[in-house]
Amino acid sequence: MRPVWAAAGLVPTLTVAAFVNHLNVIAWNPFLPFIAEAHGIGIAILGQLPALLLVLSAVLGLVIGPLADSYGYRPTMVLSLLAVAASSSRHDRLAAEPRV
């Protein structure tokens, strides 16, 4: 049995994680006009992106949860972090390319 102090930091940690997740969705809303202008798309279309991110998160959660239960949490987290690193490196390369 774990000591009580081991679970004492669980609620603050989950609270901070929920706040950061919510901030990830809404923090860039004031910058939507600038992002839309830079990419040449409408603000309304760009404003749908946070909803798409939340739907994708829900769908992937339903897929990754059973995978984590089957293969273990550590391999699933390592694979997820590798996917994030790969997508970030691809995004950096696309951002560095000059537009014609």
N, C-alpha and C. Protein backbone atom coordinates (compact mmCIF):
# COMPACT_ATOMS: atom_id res chain seq x y z
N MET A 1 0.84 -1.18 0.00
CA MET A 1 0.00 0.00 0.00
C MET A 1 0.89 1.24 0.00
N ARG A 2 0.53 2.20 -0.83
CA ARG A 2 1.32 3.43 -0.91
C ARG A 2 1.02 4.35 0.26
N PRO A 3 2.02 5.12 0.66
CA PRO A 3 1.75 6.09 1.72
C PRO A 3 0.84 7.20 1.21
N VAL A 4 0.17 7.87 2.14
CA VAL A 4 -0.77 8.93 1.80
C VAL A 4 -0.05 10.08 1.10
N TRP A 5 1.18 10.37 1.48
CA TRP A 5 1.89 11.51 0.89
C TRP A 5 2.20 11.29 -0.58
N ALA A 6 2.22 10.04 -1.04
CA ALA A 6 2.50 9.77 -2.46
C ALA A 6 1.35 10.25 -3.34
N ALA A 7 0.14 10.20 -2.83
CA ALA A 7 -1.02 10.63 -3.61
C ALA A 7 -1.36 12.09 -3.37
N ALA A 8 -0.65 12.76 -2.48
CA ALA A 8 -0.99 14.14 -2.14
C ALA A 8 -0.77 15.09 -3.32
N GLY A 9 0.18 14.80 -4.19
CA GLY A 9 0.44 15.68 -5.32
C GLY A 9 -0.37 15.34 -6.55
N LEU A 10 -1.23 14.33 -6.47
CA LEU A 10 -1.98 13.89 -7.65
C LEU A 10 -3.00 14.93 -8.10
N VAL A 11 -3.79 15.47 -7.19
CA VAL A 11 -4.82 16.44 -7.56
C VAL A 11 -4.21 17.73 -8.12
N PRO A 12 -3.17 18.31 -7.48
CA PRO A 12 -2.57 19.51 -8.10
C PRO A 12 -1.95 19.22 -9.47
N THR A 13 -1.35 18.05 -9.63
CA THR A 13 -0.77 17.70 -10.92
C THR A 13 -1.83 17.58 -11.99
N LEU A 14 -2.93 16.91 -11.69
CA LEU A 14 -4.02 16.77 -12.65
C LEU A 14 -4.68 18.12 -12.94
N THR A 15 -4.76 18.98 -11.95
CA THR A 15 -5.32 20.32 -12.15
C THR A 15 -4.46 21.13 -13.11
N VAL A 16 -3.15 21.10 -12.91
CA VAL A 16 -2.24 21.82 -13.80
C VAL A 16 -2.30 21.22 -15.21
N ALA A 17 -2.37 19.91 -15.32
CA ALA A 17 -2.45 19.27 -16.64
C ALA A 17 -3.73 19.66 -17.37
N ALA A 18 -4.85 19.72 -16.66
CA ALA A 18 -6.11 20.13 -17.28
C ALA A 18 -6.06 21.59 -17.71
N PHE A 19 -5.43 22.44 -16.89
CA PHE A 19 -5.29 23.85 -17.24
C PHE A 19 -4.42 24.03 -18.48
N VAL A 20 -3.31 23.33 -18.54
CA VAL A 20 -2.42 23.45 -19.70
C VAL A 20 -3.11 22.93 -20.97
N ASN A 21 -3.87 21.85 -20.84
CA ASN A 21 -4.60 21.32 -21.98
C ASN A 21 -5.64 22.33 -22.47
N HIS A 22 -6.36 22.95 -21.56
CA HIS A 22 -7.36 23.96 -21.93
C HIS A 22 -6.68 25.18 -22.54
N LEU A 23 -5.56 25.56 -21.99
CA LEU A 23 -4.80 26.70 -22.51
C LEU A 23 -4.31 26.43 -23.92
N ASN A 24 -3.96 25.21 -24.19
CA ASN A 24 -3.50 24.82 -25.53
C ASN A 24 -4.59 25.05 -26.57
N VAL A 25 -5.85 24.90 -26.17
CA VAL A 25 -6.95 25.04 -27.11
C VAL A 25 -7.33 26.51 -27.30
N ILE A 26 -7.32 27.32 -26.24
CA ILE A 26 -7.85 28.67 -26.34
C ILE A 26 -6.80 29.77 -26.39
N ALA A 27 -5.56 29.50 -26.09
CA ALA A 27 -4.57 30.56 -25.95
C ALA A 27 -4.26 31.26 -27.27
N TRP A 28 -4.41 30.59 -28.38
CA TRP A 28 -4.03 31.19 -29.64
C TRP A 28 -5.20 31.87 -30.35
N ASN A 29 -6.38 31.91 -29.73
CA ASN A 29 -7.54 32.57 -30.33
C ASN A 29 -7.31 34.05 -30.65
N PRO A 30 -6.64 34.84 -29.82
CA PRO A 30 -6.41 36.24 -30.20
C PRO A 30 -5.52 36.41 -31.43
N PHE A 31 -4.76 35.39 -31.76
CA PHE A 31 -3.85 35.47 -32.90
C PHE A 31 -4.44 34.92 -34.19
N LEU A 32 -5.69 34.46 -34.16
CA LEU A 32 -6.30 33.86 -35.34
C LEU A 32 -6.30 34.80 -36.56
N PRO A 33 -6.62 36.09 -36.40
CA PRO A 33 -6.58 36.95 -37.61
C PRO A 33 -5.20 37.02 -38.25
N PHE A 34 -4.16 37.07 -37.44
CA PHE A 34 -2.80 37.14 -37.98
C PHE A 34 -2.39 35.83 -38.64
N ILE A 35 -2.75 34.71 -38.03
CA ILE A 35 -2.43 33.41 -38.60
C ILE A 35 -3.20 33.20 -39.90
N ALA A 36 -4.48 33.59 -39.91
CA ALA A 36 -5.29 33.44 -41.12
C ALA A 36 -4.73 34.29 -42.25
N GLU A 37 -4.32 35.50 -41.95
CA GLU A 37 -3.74 36.36 -42.98
C GLU A 37 -2.42 35.80 -43.51
N ALA A 38 -1.61 35.26 -42.62
CA ALA A 38 -0.31 34.73 -43.04
C ALA A 38 -0.47 33.50 -43.93
N HIS A 39 -1.51 32.71 -43.71
CA HIS A 39 -1.71 31.50 -44.49
C HIS A 39 -2.73 31.66 -45.61
N GLY A 40 -3.37 32.82 -45.67
CA GLY A 40 -4.31 33.07 -46.75
C GLY A 40 -5.60 32.29 -46.66
N ILE A 41 -6.09 32.04 -45.45
CA ILE A 41 -7.35 31.34 -45.26
C ILE A 41 -8.27 32.19 -44.39
N GLY A 42 -9.53 31.82 -44.33
CA GLY A 42 -10.49 32.57 -43.53
C GLY A 42 -10.36 32.29 -42.04
N ILE A 43 -10.75 33.30 -41.26
CA ILE A 43 -10.69 33.15 -39.80
C ILE A 43 -11.68 32.08 -39.34
N ALA A 44 -12.84 32.00 -39.99
CA ALA A 44 -13.84 31.02 -39.60
C ALA A 44 -13.33 29.59 -39.79
N ILE A 45 -12.65 29.37 -40.89
CA ILE A 45 -12.09 28.03 -41.14
C ILE A 45 -11.00 27.72 -40.12
N LEU A 46 -10.14 28.69 -39.87
CA LEU A 46 -9.05 28.49 -38.91
C LEU A 46 -9.60 28.32 -37.49
N GLY A 47 -10.72 28.97 -37.20
CA GLY A 47 -11.33 28.85 -35.87
C GLY A 47 -11.89 27.47 -35.59
N GLN A 48 -12.10 26.67 -36.63
CA GLN A 48 -12.60 25.31 -36.44
C GLN A 48 -11.51 24.33 -36.04
N LEU A 49 -10.27 24.78 -36.13
CA LEU A 49 -9.15 23.90 -35.80
C LEU A 49 -9.15 23.43 -34.34
N PRO A 50 -9.43 24.28 -33.35
CA PRO A 50 -9.48 23.76 -31.97
C PRO A 50 -10.53 22.66 -31.79
N ALA A 51 -11.68 22.80 -32.44
CA ALA A 51 -12.70 21.74 -32.35
C ALA A 51 -12.20 20.45 -32.97
N LEU A 52 -11.52 20.57 -34.10
CA LEU A 52 -10.96 19.39 -34.75
C LEU A 52 -9.90 18.73 -33.85
N LEU A 53 -9.09 19.55 -33.19
CA LEU A 53 -8.09 18.99 -32.28
C LEU A 53 -8.73 18.23 -31.12
N LEU A 54 -9.81 18.77 -30.58
CA LEU A 54 -10.49 18.08 -29.47
C LEU A 54 -11.14 16.78 -29.93
N VAL A 55 -11.75 16.78 -31.12
CA VAL A 55 -12.36 15.55 -31.64
C VAL A 55 -11.29 14.50 -31.91
N LEU A 56 -10.19 14.93 -32.52
CA LEU A 56 -9.08 14.01 -32.78
C LEU A 56 -8.51 13.45 -31.48
N SER A 57 -8.41 14.30 -30.46
CA SER A 57 -7.92 13.83 -29.16
C SER A 57 -8.86 12.77 -28.57
N ALA A 58 -10.16 12.98 -28.69
CA ALA A 58 -11.11 12.00 -28.17
C ALA A 58 -11.02 10.67 -28.91
N VAL A 59 -10.92 10.75 -30.23
CA VAL A 59 -10.84 9.52 -31.03
C VAL A 59 -9.54 8.77 -30.74
N LEU A 60 -8.42 9.50 -30.71
CA LEU A 60 -7.15 8.85 -30.42
C LEU A 60 -7.10 8.29 -29.00
N GLY A 61 -7.79 8.95 -28.09
CA GLY A 61 -7.86 8.42 -26.72
C GLY A 61 -8.55 7.07 -26.67
N LEU A 62 -9.59 6.91 -27.49
CA LEU A 62 -10.29 5.63 -27.53
C LEU A 62 -9.46 4.54 -28.18
N VAL A 63 -8.54 4.92 -29.06
CA VAL A 63 -7.68 3.94 -29.72
C VAL A 63 -6.45 3.62 -28.88
N ILE A 64 -5.82 4.65 -28.34
CA ILE A 64 -4.55 4.47 -27.63
C ILE A 64 -4.76 3.84 -26.25
N GLY A 65 -5.91 4.08 -25.63
CA GLY A 65 -6.18 3.49 -24.32
C GLY A 65 -6.08 1.97 -24.30
N PRO A 66 -6.80 1.28 -25.19
CA PRO A 66 -6.67 -0.18 -25.23
C PRO A 66 -5.28 -0.65 -25.65
N LEU A 67 -4.61 0.12 -26.53
CA LEU A 67 -3.23 -0.25 -26.89
C LEU A 67 -2.32 -0.18 -25.67
N ALA A 68 -2.50 0.85 -24.86
CA ALA A 68 -1.69 0.97 -23.65
C ALA A 68 -1.98 -0.16 -22.67
N ASP A 69 -3.24 -0.56 -22.59
CA ASP A 69 -3.58 -1.68 -21.71
C ASP A 69 -2.96 -2.98 -22.22
N SER A 70 -2.87 -3.14 -23.52
CA SER A 70 -2.34 -4.38 -24.09
C SER A 70 -0.81 -4.44 -24.05
N TYR A 71 -0.16 -3.37 -24.46
CA TYR A 71 1.30 -3.38 -24.61
C TYR A 71 2.04 -2.72 -23.45
N GLY A 72 1.34 -2.05 -22.58
CA GLY A 72 1.98 -1.37 -21.46
C GLY A 72 2.04 0.13 -21.70
N TYR A 73 2.13 0.87 -20.62
CA TYR A 73 2.07 2.33 -20.73
C TYR A 73 3.39 2.93 -21.21
N ARG A 74 4.49 2.34 -20.80
CA ARG A 74 5.79 2.90 -21.20
C ARG A 74 6.01 2.82 -22.71
N PRO A 75 5.84 1.67 -23.36
CA PRO A 75 6.01 1.64 -24.82
C PRO A 75 5.03 2.56 -25.55
N THR A 76 3.81 2.67 -25.03
CA THR A 76 2.84 3.56 -25.66
C THR A 76 3.26 5.01 -25.55
N MET A 77 3.77 5.41 -24.39
CA MET A 77 4.24 6.79 -24.20
C MET A 77 5.46 7.08 -25.07
N VAL A 78 6.37 6.13 -25.15
CA VAL A 78 7.57 6.33 -25.98
C VAL A 78 7.16 6.48 -27.45
N LEU A 79 6.25 5.63 -27.92
CA LEU A 79 5.77 5.73 -29.29
C LEU A 79 5.06 7.06 -29.54
N SER A 80 4.27 7.50 -28.59
CA SER A 80 3.57 8.78 -28.72
C SER A 80 4.54 9.94 -28.76
N LEU A 81 5.56 9.91 -27.91
CA LEU A 81 6.55 10.99 -27.91
C LEU A 81 7.36 11.00 -29.20
N LEU A 82 7.65 9.82 -29.74
CA LEU A 82 8.34 9.77 -31.04
C LEU A 82 7.46 10.34 -32.15
N ALA A 83 6.16 10.08 -32.09
CA ALA A 83 5.24 10.64 -33.09
C ALA A 83 5.19 12.16 -32.99
N VAL A 84 5.17 12.68 -31.77
CA VAL A 84 5.17 14.14 -31.59
C VAL A 84 6.47 14.73 -32.10
N ALA A 85 7.59 14.10 -31.82
CA ALA A 85 8.88 14.60 -32.30
C ALA A 85 8.95 14.57 -33.82
N ALA A 86 8.43 13.51 -34.43
CA ALA A 86 8.45 13.42 -35.90
C ALA A 86 7.56 14.49 -36.52
N SER A 87 6.39 14.70 -35.95
CA SER A 87 5.51 15.73 -36.52
C SER A 87 6.07 17.12 -36.29
N SER A 88 6.74 17.34 -35.16
CA SER A 88 7.34 18.65 -34.90
C SER A 88 8.50 18.92 -35.85
N SER A 89 9.30 17.91 -36.14
CA SER A 89 10.42 18.13 -37.04
C SER A 89 9.91 18.39 -38.46
N ARG A 90 8.84 17.72 -38.86
CA ARG A 90 8.24 17.97 -40.17
C ARG A 90 7.69 19.38 -40.24
N HIS A 91 7.06 19.84 -39.17
CA HIS A 91 6.51 21.20 -39.13
C HIS A 91 7.63 22.24 -39.21
N ASP A 92 8.73 21.99 -38.52
CA ASP A 92 9.85 22.92 -38.57
C ASP A 92 10.43 23.02 -39.97
N ARG A 93 10.52 21.88 -40.66
CA ARG A 93 11.06 21.90 -42.03
C ARG A 93 10.11 22.64 -42.96
N LEU A 94 8.80 22.46 -42.78
CA LEU A 94 7.84 23.16 -43.62
C LEU A 94 7.85 24.66 -43.36
N ALA A 95 8.03 25.05 -42.09
CA ALA A 95 8.07 26.47 -41.75
C ALA A 95 9.31 27.14 -42.27
N ALA A 96 10.39 26.40 -42.40
CA ALA A 96 11.66 26.97 -42.85
C ALA A 96 11.72 27.13 -44.37
N GLU A 97 10.86 26.40 -45.11
CA GLU A 97 10.89 26.49 -46.57
C GLU A 97 10.29 27.81 -47.02
N PRO A 98 10.92 28.47 -47.98
CA PRO A 98 10.37 29.74 -48.47
C PRO A 98 9.10 29.50 -49.28
N ARG A 99 8.17 30.43 -49.18
CA ARG A 99 6.93 30.34 -49.96
C ARG A 99 7.11 31.03 -51.30
N VAL A 100 6.51 30.46 -52.31
CA VAL A 100 6.59 31.03 -53.65
C VAL A 100 5.40 31.88 -53.93
